[in-house]
PDB file of N, CA and C in Angstrom:
ATOM      1  N   UNK A   1     135.650 169.925  88.065  1.00  0.00           N
ATOM      2  CA  UNK A   1     135.670 168.659  87.385  1.00  0.00           C
ATOM      3  C   UNK A   1     136.240 167.623  88.346  1.00  0.00           C
ATOM      4  N   UNK A   2     135.710 166.417  88.287  1.00  0.00           N
ATOM      5  CA  UNK A   2     136.163 165.345  89.160  1.00  0.00           C
ATOM      6  C   UNK A   2     136.713 164.178  88.347  1.00  0.00           C
ATOM      7  N   UNK A   3     137.776 163.589  88.883  1.00  0.00           N
ATOM      8  CA  UNK A   3     138.283 162.334  88.334  1.00  0.00           C
ATOM      9  C   UNK A   3     138.481 161.385  89.510  1.00  0.00           C
ATOM     10  N   UNK A   4     138.614 160.126  89.208  1.00  0.00           N
ATOM     11  CA  UNK A   4     138.932 159.139  90.238  1.00  0.00           C
ATOM     12  C   UNK A   4     140.404 158.788  90.068  1.00  0.00           C
ATOM     13  N   UNK A   5     141.201 159.064  91.117  1.00  0.00           N
ATOM     14  CA  UNK A   5     142.642 158.837  91.083  1.00  0.00           C
ATOM     15  C   UNK A   5     142.993 157.737  92.075  1.00  0.00           C
ATOM     16  N   UNK A   6     143.448 156.609  91.566  1.00  0.00           N
ATOM     17  CA  UNK A   6     143.765 155.447  92.406  1.00  0.00           C
ATOM     18  C   UNK A   6     142.625 155.136  93.374  1.00  0.00           C
ATOM     19  N   UNK A   7     141.399 155.210  92.863  1.00  0.00           N
ATOM     20  CA  UNK A   7     140.224 154.833  93.640  1.00  0.00           C
ATOM     21  C   UNK A   7     139.595 155.924  94.479  1.00  0.00           C
ATOM     22  N   UNK A   8     140.193 157.125  94.503  1.00  0.00           N
ATOM     23  CA  UNK A   8     139.655 158.221  95.320  1.00  0.00           C
ATOM     24  C   UNK A   8     139.275 159.396  94.433  1.00  0.00           C
ATOM     25  N   UNK A   9     138.127 160.008  94.735  1.00  0.00           N
ATOM     26  CA  UNK A   9     137.698 161.171  93.960  1.00  0.00           C
ATOM     27  C   UNK A   9     138.626 162.347  94.210  1.00  0.00           C
ATOM     28  N   UNK A  10     138.965 163.040  93.135  1.00  0.00           N
ATOM     29  CA  UNK A  10     139.809 164.238  93.207  1.00  0.00           C
ATOM     30  C   UNK A  10     139.128 165.342  92.416  1.00  0.00           C
ATOM     31  N   UNK A  11     139.148 166.530  92.962  1.00  0.00           N
ATOM     32  CA  UNK A  11     138.578 167.702  92.305  1.00  0.00           C
ATOM     33  C   UNK A  11     139.701 168.415  91.551  1.00  0.00           C
ATOM     34  N   UNK A  12     139.476 168.709  90.273  1.00  0.00           N
ATOM     35  CA  UNK A  12     140.437 169.473  89.476  1.00  0.00           C
ATOM     36  C   UNK A  12     139.798 170.803  89.112  1.00  0.00           C
ATOM     37  N   UNK A  13     140.556 171.878  89.246  1.00  0.00           N
ATOM     38  CA  UNK A  13     140.035 173.213  88.954  1.00  0.00           C
ATOM     39  C   UNK A  13     139.852 173.439  87.460  1.00  0.00           C
ATOM     40  N   UNK A  14     140.652 172.744  86.657  1.00  0.00           N
ATOM     41  CA  UNK A  14     140.598 172.953  85.209  1.00  0.00           C
ATOM     42  C   UNK A  14     141.088 171.702  84.487  1.00  0.00           C
ATOM     43  N   UNK A  15     140.797 171.633  83.200  1.00  0.00           N
ATOM     44  CA  UNK A  15     141.298 170.529  82.379  1.00  0.00           C
ATOM     45  C   UNK A  15     142.816 170.609  82.334  1.00  0.00           C
ATOM     46  N   UNK A  16     143.474 169.477  82.413  1.00  0.00           N
ATOM     47  CA  UNK A  16     144.928 169.455  82.349  1.00  0.00           C
ATOM     48  C   UNK A  16     145.393 168.142  81.740  1.00  0.00           C
ATOM     49  N   UNK A  17     146.655 168.152  81.321  1.00  0.00           N
ATOM     50  CA  UNK A  17     147.215 166.937  80.727  1.00  0.00           C
ATOM     51  C   UNK A  17     147.552 165.938  81.833  1.00  0.00           C
ATOM     52  N   UNK A  18     147.678 164.697  81.435  1.00  0.00           N
ATOM     53  CA  UNK A  18     148.076 163.654  82.379  1.00  0.00           C
ATOM     54  C   UNK A  18     149.447 163.986  82.965  1.00  0.00           C
ATOM     55  N   UNK A  19     150.347 164.501  82.144  1.00  0.00           N
ATOM     56  CA  UNK A  19     151.688 164.872  82.610  1.00  0.00           C
ATOM     57  C   UNK A  19     151.616 165.959  83.685  1.00  0.00           C
ATOM     58  N   UNK A  20     150.806 166.986  83.475  1.00  0.00           N
ATOM     59  CA  UNK A  20     150.645 168.052  84.472  1.00  0.00           C
ATOM     60  C   UNK A  20     150.076 167.491  85.773  1.00  0.00           C
ATOM     61  N   UNK A  21     149.066 166.660  85.647  1.00  0.00           N
ATOM     62  CA  UNK A  21     148.413 166.062  86.807  1.00  0.00           C
ATOM     63  C   UNK A  21     149.421 165.290  87.656  1.00  0.00           C
ATOM     64  N   UNK A  22     150.232 164.461  87.013  1.00  0.00           N
ATOM     65  CA  UNK A  22     151.217 163.662  87.737  1.00  0.00           C
ATOM     66  C   UNK A  22     152.303 164.542  88.352  1.00  0.00           C
ATOM     67  N   UNK A  23     152.780 165.530  87.604  1.00  0.00           N
ATOM     68  CA  UNK A  23     153.833 166.422  88.101  1.00  0.00           C
ATOM     69  C   UNK A  23     153.370 167.193  89.333  1.00  0.00           C
ATOM     70  N   UNK A  24     152.124 167.654  89.339  1.00  0.00           N
ATOM     71  CA  UNK A  24     151.590 168.395  90.486  1.00  0.00           C
ATOM     72  C   UNK A  24     151.530 167.532  91.743  1.00  0.00           C
ATOM     73  N   UNK A  25     151.501 166.237  91.568  1.00  0.00           N
ATOM     74  CA  UNK A  25     151.436 165.317  92.699  1.00  0.00           C
ATOM     75  C   UNK A  25     152.798 164.707  93.024  1.00  0.00           C
ATOM     76  N   UNK A  26     153.843 165.176  92.340  1.00  0.00           N
ATOM     77  CA  UNK A  26     155.198 164.706  92.608  1.00  0.00           C
ATOM     78  C   UNK A  26     155.462 163.276  92.176  1.00  0.00           C
ATOM     79  N   UNK A  27     154.708 162.810  91.186  1.00  0.00           N
ATOM     80  CA  UNK A  27     154.873 161.441  90.702  1.00  0.00           C
ATOM     81  C   UNK A  27     155.879 161.454  89.554  1.00  0.00           C
ATOM     82  N   UNK A  28     157.013 160.767  89.718  1.00  0.00           N
ATOM     83  CA  UNK A  28     158.044 160.777  88.675  1.00  0.00           C
ATOM     84  C   UNK A  28     157.630 159.964  87.454  1.00  0.00           C
ATOM     85  N   UNK A  29     158.105 160.370  86.300  1.00  0.00           N
ATOM     86  CA  UNK A  29     157.806 159.642  85.063  1.00  0.00           C
ATOM     87  C   UNK A  29     158.561 158.316  85.019  1.00  0.00           C
ATOM     88  N   UNK A  30     159.804 158.326  85.506  1.00  0.00           N
ATOM     89  CA  UNK A  30     160.609 157.095  85.494  1.00  0.00           C
ATOM     90  C   UNK A  30     160.022 156.079  86.464  1.00  0.00           C
ATOM     91  N   UNK A  31     159.839 154.864  85.985  1.00  0.00           N
ATOM     92  CA  UNK A  31     159.331 153.796  86.831  1.00  0.00           C
ATOM     93  C   UNK A  31     157.845 153.868  87.111  1.00  0.00           C
ATOM     94  N   UNK A  32     157.120 154.660  86.321  1.00  0.00           N
ATOM     95  CA  UNK A  32     155.682 154.832  86.532  1.00  0.00           C
ATOM     96  C   UNK A  32     154.921 154.449  85.275  1.00  0.00           C
ATOM     97  N   UNK A  33     153.816 153.771  85.472  1.00  0.00           N
ATOM     98  CA  UNK A  33     152.894 153.451  84.381  1.00  0.00           C
ATOM     99  C   UNK A  33     151.523 153.996  84.761  1.00  0.00           C
ATOM    100  N   UNK A  34     150.771 154.438  83.754  1.00  0.00           N
ATOM    101  CA  UNK A  34     149.439 155.003  84.000  1.00  0.00           C
ATOM    102  C   UNK A  34     148.399 154.343  83.118  1.00  0.00           C
ATOM    103  N   UNK A  35     147.235 154.134  83.716  1.00  0.00           N
ATOM    104  CA  UNK A  35     146.076 153.665  82.965  1.00  0.00           C
ATOM    105  C   UNK A  35     144.960 154.679  83.176  1.00  0.00           C
ATOM    106  N   UNK A  36     144.272 155.009  82.106  1.00  0.00           N
ATOM    107  CA  UNK A  36     143.110 155.894  82.188  1.00  0.00           C
ATOM    108  C   UNK A  36     141.922 155.109  81.654  1.00  0.00           C
ATOM    109  N   UNK A  37     140.898 155.021  82.485  1.00  0.00           N
ATOM    110  CA  UNK A  37     139.713 154.222  82.138  1.00  0.00           C
ATOM    111  C   UNK A  37     140.105 152.805  81.728  1.00  0.00           C
ATOM    112  N   UNK A  38     141.050 152.238  82.492  1.00  0.00           N
ATOM    113  CA  UNK A  38     141.518 150.862  82.333  1.00  0.00           C
ATOM    114  C   UNK A  38     142.291 150.602  81.039  1.00  0.00           C
ATOM    115  N   UNK A  39     142.818 151.663  80.406  1.00  0.00           N
ATOM    116  CA  UNK A  39     143.653 151.537  79.203  1.00  0.00           C
ATOM    117  C   UNK A  39     145.006 152.186  79.497  1.00  0.00           C
ATOM    118  N   UNK A  40     146.090 151.465  79.231  1.00  0.00           N
ATOM    119  CA  UNK A  40     147.427 152.026  79.447  1.00  0.00           C
ATOM    120  C   UNK A  40     147.648 153.208  78.504  1.00  0.00           C
ATOM    121  N   UNK A  41     148.195 154.302  79.065  1.00  0.00           N
ATOM    122  CA  UNK A  41     148.554 155.477  78.260  1.00  0.00           C
ATOM    123  C   UNK A  41     150.079 155.517  78.206  1.00  0.00           C
ATOM    124  N   UNK A  42     150.647 155.479  77.006  1.00  0.00           N
ATOM    125  CA  UNK A  42     152.110 155.485  76.872  1.00  0.00           C
ATOM    126  C   UNK A  42     152.675 156.829  77.317  1.00  0.00           C
ATOM    127  N   UNK A  43     153.893 156.803  77.832  1.00  0.00           N
ATOM    128  CA  UNK A  43     154.543 158.042  78.288  1.00  0.00           C
ATOM    129  C   UNK A  43     154.635 159.076  77.179  1.00  0.00           C
ATOM    130  N   UNK A  44     154.780 158.632  75.955  1.00  0.00           N
ATOM    131  CA  UNK A  44     154.868 159.556  74.817  1.00  0.00           C
ATOM    132  C   UNK A  44     153.594 160.382  74.672  1.00  0.00           C
ATOM    133  N   UNK A  45     152.491 159.909  75.225  1.00  0.00           N
ATOM    134  CA  UNK A  45     151.208 160.614  75.112  1.00  0.00           C
ATOM    135  C   UNK A  45     150.865 161.458  76.337  1.00  0.00           C
ATOM    136  N   UNK A  46     151.602 161.333  77.416  1.00  0.00           N
ATOM    137  CA  UNK A  46     151.235 162.011  78.661  1.00  0.00           C
ATOM    138  C   UNK A  46     151.076 163.516  78.500  1.00  0.00           C
ATOM    139  N   UNK A  47     151.943 164.164  77.742  1.00  0.00           N
ATOM    140  CA  UNK A  47     151.901 165.625  77.604  1.00  0.00           C
ATOM    141  C   UNK A  47     150.670 166.109  76.846  1.00  0.00           C
ATOM    142  N   UNK A  48     150.132 165.274  75.975  1.00  0.00           N
ATOM    143  CA  UNK A  48     148.989 165.699  75.154  1.00  0.00           C
ATOM    144  C   UNK A  48     147.683 165.019  75.544  1.00  0.00           C
ATOM    145  N   UNK A  49     147.746 164.041  76.447  1.00  0.00           N
ATOM    146  CA  UNK A  49     146.538 163.331  76.872  1.00  0.00           C
ATOM    147  C   UNK A  49     145.816 164.183  77.908  1.00  0.00           C
ATOM    148  N   UNK A  50     144.663 164.726  77.536  1.00  0.00           N
ATOM    149  CA  UNK A  50     143.923 165.622  78.418  1.00  0.00           C
ATOM    150  C   UNK A  50     142.925 164.851  79.275  1.00  0.00           C
ATOM    151  N   UNK A  51     142.944 165.147  80.571  1.00  0.00           N
ATOM    152  CA  UNK A  51     141.991 164.542  81.495  1.00  0.00           C
ATOM    153  C   UNK A  51     140.686 165.319  81.444  1.00  0.00           C
ATOM    154  N   UNK A  52     139.581 164.604  81.453  1.00  0.00           N
ATOM    155  CA  UNK A  52     138.264 165.240  81.448  1.00  0.00           C
ATOM    156  C   UNK A  52     137.422 164.661  82.578  1.00  0.00           C
ATOM    157  N   UNK A  53     136.325 165.324  82.855  1.00  0.00           N
ATOM    158  CA  UNK A  53     135.440 164.959  83.954  1.00  0.00           C
ATOM    159  C   UNK A  53     135.042 163.485  83.894  1.00  0.00           C
ATOM    160  N   UNK A  54     135.139 162.816  85.035  1.00  0.00           N
ATOM    161  CA  UNK A  54     134.679 161.443  85.151  1.00  0.00           C
ATOM    162  C   UNK A  54     135.702 160.376  84.819  1.00  0.00           C
ATOM    163  N   UNK A  55     136.890 160.771  84.375  1.00  0.00           N
ATOM    164  CA  UNK A  55     137.905 159.770  84.032  1.00  0.00           C
ATOM    165  C   UNK A  55     138.439 159.082  85.284  1.00  0.00           C
ATOM    166  N   UNK A  56     138.900 157.863  85.092  1.00  0.00           N
ATOM    167  CA  UNK A  56     139.522 157.085  86.155  1.00  0.00           C
ATOM    168  C   UNK A  56     141.004 156.949  85.826  1.00  0.00           C
ATOM    169  N   UNK A  57     141.860 157.445  86.715  1.00  0.00           N
ATOM    170  CA  UNK A  57     143.309 157.406  86.517  1.00  0.00           C
ATOM    171  C   UNK A  57     143.925 156.490  87.575  1.00  0.00           C
ATOM    172  N   UNK A  58     144.676 155.507  87.118  1.00  0.00           N
ATOM    173  CA  UNK A  58     145.382 154.609  88.029  1.00  0.00           C
ATOM    174  C   UNK A  58     146.870 154.685  87.720  1.00  0.00           C
ATOM    175  N   UNK A  59     147.680 154.847  88.768  1.00  0.00           N
ATOM    176  CA  UNK A  59     149.128 154.974  88.624  1.00  0.00           C
ATOM    177  C   UNK A  59     149.793 153.779  89.296  1.00  0.00           C
ATOM    178  N   UNK A  60     150.765 153.217  88.595  1.00  0.00           N
ATOM    179  CA  UNK A  60     151.490 152.058  89.096  1.00  0.00           C
ATOM    180  C   UNK A  60     152.978 152.376  89.122  1.00  0.00           C
ATOM    181  N   UNK A  61     153.620 152.116  90.251  1.00  0.00           N
ATOM    182  CA  UNK A  61     155.068 152.286  90.361  1.00  0.00           C
ATOM    183  C   UNK A  61     155.718 150.932  90.173  1.00  0.00           C
ATOM    184  N   UNK A  62     156.710 150.902  89.296  1.00  0.00           N
ATOM    185  CA  UNK A  62     157.417 149.661  89.014  1.00  0.00           C
ATOM    186  C   UNK A  62     158.570 149.508  89.996  1.00  0.00           C
ATOM    187  N   UNK A  63     158.662 148.335  90.593  1.00  0.00           N
ATOM    188  CA  UNK A  63     159.690 148.071  91.588  1.00  0.00           C
ATOM    189  C   UNK A  63     160.433 146.800  91.198  1.00  0.00           C
ATOM    190  N   UNK A  64     161.751 146.888  91.218  1.00  0.00           N
ATOM    191  CA  UNK A  64     162.569 145.712  90.923  1.00  0.00           C
ATOM    192  C   UNK A  64     163.236 145.260  92.216  1.00  0.00           C
ATOM    193  N   UNK A  65     163.450 144.018  92.309  1.00  0.00           N
ATOM    194  CA  UNK A  65     164.115 143.519  93.509  1.00  0.00           C
ATOM    195  C   UNK A  65     164.247 142.013  93.455  1.00  0.00           C
ATOM    196  N   UNK A  66     164.829 141.487  94.471  1.00  0.00           N
ATOM    197  CA  UNK A  66     165.040 140.062  94.442  1.00  0.00           C
ATOM    198  C   UNK A  66     164.911 139.429  95.744  1.00  0.00           C
TER     199      UNK A  66
END
């Protein structure tokens, strides 16, 4: 199965949750926002939101500073 992750195609061996996908890539939950198919997915849904073939996943890291 293939998804587009931050603009690049990625091959996934099996269906997995958004939370699993991010954890496998070392992406922390704190300070991170995710959109799937251009819709924001709340952190409360990450564990149950299943990625399927053809989805587009975009990850944004929040940075504060001055």
